[in-house]
Amino acid sequence: MSHAVIGLCTLELDLAGVDSLKLKRSIVKSVLARVRNQFNVSAAEVDEQDTHELAVIAIATVSNSSAHANSTIDKVIDWIEQNCREVDIADQQIEIL
């Protein structure tokens, strides 16, 4: 029987200049939807929901290979850095379970 490998990444996003929760939610919702569509991963805001200039999102993928799960997470991070100019990644944590 094969085993499932879960890749989990938690990103702390800096949203400099955002002065309302409405704008923050719009930006975060857009980033999450674009990541889900581009990579077929699960993604959600998981912390700091009431802070204007900070968001914490989690991205998860399931695979049969640790290397593939890690590669997918790395590609998501690179893609966010290059395509989501409205956010900066302030911190990241990656776990392969």
Protein backbone atom coordinates (compact mmCIF):
# COMPACT_ATOMS: atom_id res chain seq x y z
CA MET A 1 0.00 0.00 0.00
CA SER A 2 1.42 3.38 -0.97
CA HIS A 3 1.53 6.32 1.39
CA ALA A 4 0.41 9.90 0.97
CA VAL A 5 2.81 12.79 1.45
CA ILE A 6 1.47 16.21 2.41
CA GLY A 7 3.38 19.37 1.62
CA LEU A 8 2.34 22.29 3.82
CA CYS A 9 3.59 25.84 3.49
CA THR A 10 2.67 28.74 5.74
CA LEU A 11 3.44 32.19 4.38
CA GLU A 12 3.35 35.48 6.24
CA LEU A 13 2.50 38.18 3.73
CA ASP A 14 3.29 41.86 4.17
CA LEU A 15 0.62 44.09 2.64
CA ALA A 16 2.33 47.47 2.89
CA GLY A 17 0.04 50.45 2.52
CA VAL A 18 -3.21 48.53 2.99
CA ASP A 19 -5.40 50.64 5.26
CA SER A 20 -8.65 48.70 5.41
CA LEU A 21 -9.75 45.14 6.01
CA LYS A 22 -11.91 45.32 2.88
CA LEU A 23 -8.87 46.02 0.68
CA LYS A 24 -6.82 43.38 2.50
CA ARG A 25 -9.50 40.72 2.01
CA SER A 26 -9.76 41.61 -1.67
CA ILE A 27 -6.01 41.20 -2.18
CA VAL A 28 -5.75 37.97 -0.17
CA LYS A 29 -8.81 36.47 -1.85
CA SER A 30 -7.30 37.22 -5.27
CA VAL A 31 -3.90 35.72 -4.37
CA LEU A 32 -5.52 32.55 -3.00
CA ALA A 33 -7.76 32.07 -6.04
CA ARG A 34 -4.88 32.60 -8.47
CA VAL A 35 -2.66 30.12 -6.57
CA ARG A 36 -5.44 27.50 -6.48
CA ASN A 37 -6.10 27.89 -10.21
CA GLN A 38 -2.44 27.89 -11.24
CA PHE A 39 -1.26 24.92 -9.15
CA ASN A 40 -4.33 22.87 -8.14
CA VAL A 41 -3.42 23.15 -4.44
CA SER A 42 -5.47 23.96 -1.37
CA ALA A 43 -4.97 27.47 -0.04
CA ALA A 44 -6.58 29.52 2.74
CA GLU A 45 -6.00 32.49 5.02
CA VAL A 46 -5.26 30.98 8.44
CA ASP A 47 -4.27 33.82 10.79
CA GLU A 48 -4.14 37.61 11.27
CA GLN A 49 -7.58 38.08 9.70
CA ASP A 50 -8.14 41.35 11.59
CA THR A 51 -4.76 42.96 10.82
CA HIS A 52 -4.64 45.38 7.87
CA GLU A 53 -1.05 45.03 6.70
CA LEU A 54 -0.39 41.36 7.48
CA ALA A 55 -1.87 38.09 6.25
CA VAL A 56 -0.97 34.49 6.98
CA ILE A 57 -1.90 31.94 4.34
CA ALA A 58 -1.38 28.18 4.15
CA ILE A 59 -0.90 26.15 1.00
CA ALA A 60 -1.17 22.36 0.95
CA THR A 61 -0.56 19.70 -1.65
CA VAL A 62 -0.85 15.91 -1.56
CA SER A 63 1.51 13.64 -3.45
CA ASN A 64 3.09 10.20 -3.33
CA SER A 65 6.59 11.72 -3.25
CA SER A 66 8.30 14.08 -0.81
CA ALA A 67 10.36 15.53 -3.63
CA HIS A 68 7.27 16.29 -5.72
CA ALA A 69 5.43 17.88 -2.78
CA ASN A 70 8.46 20.04 -1.96
CA SER A 71 8.90 21.02 -5.62
CA THR A 72 5.26 22.07 -5.89
CA ILE A 73 5.51 24.23 -2.76
CA ASP A 74 8.73 25.84 -4.06
CA LYS A 75 7.03 26.63 -7.39
CA VAL A 76 4.07 28.22 -5.59
CA ILE A 77 6.37 30.44 -3.52
CA ASP A 78 8.37 31.51 -6.59
CA TRP A 79 5.15 32.21 -8.49
CA ILE A 80 3.74 34.38 -5.69
CA GLU A 81 7.00 36.35 -5.51
CA GLN A 82 6.95 37.01 -9.26
CA ASN A 83 3.24 37.45 -9.97
CA CYS A 84 1.67 38.94 -6.84
CA ARG A 85 3.28 42.37 -6.63
CA GLU A 86 0.74 43.58 -4.06
CA VAL A 87 2.25 41.28 -1.38
CA ASP A 88 5.73 40.56 -0.06
CA ILE A 89 6.59 37.27 1.62
CA ALA A 90 7.90 38.24 5.06
CA ASP A 91 8.30 34.69 6.42
CA GLN A 92 7.75 31.14 5.28
CA GLN A 93 7.61 27.70 6.85
CA ILE A 94 7.55 24.48 4.87
CA GLU A 95 6.65 21.08 6.28
CA ILE A 96 6.59 17.76 4.46
CA LEU A 97 4.42 15.31 6.39
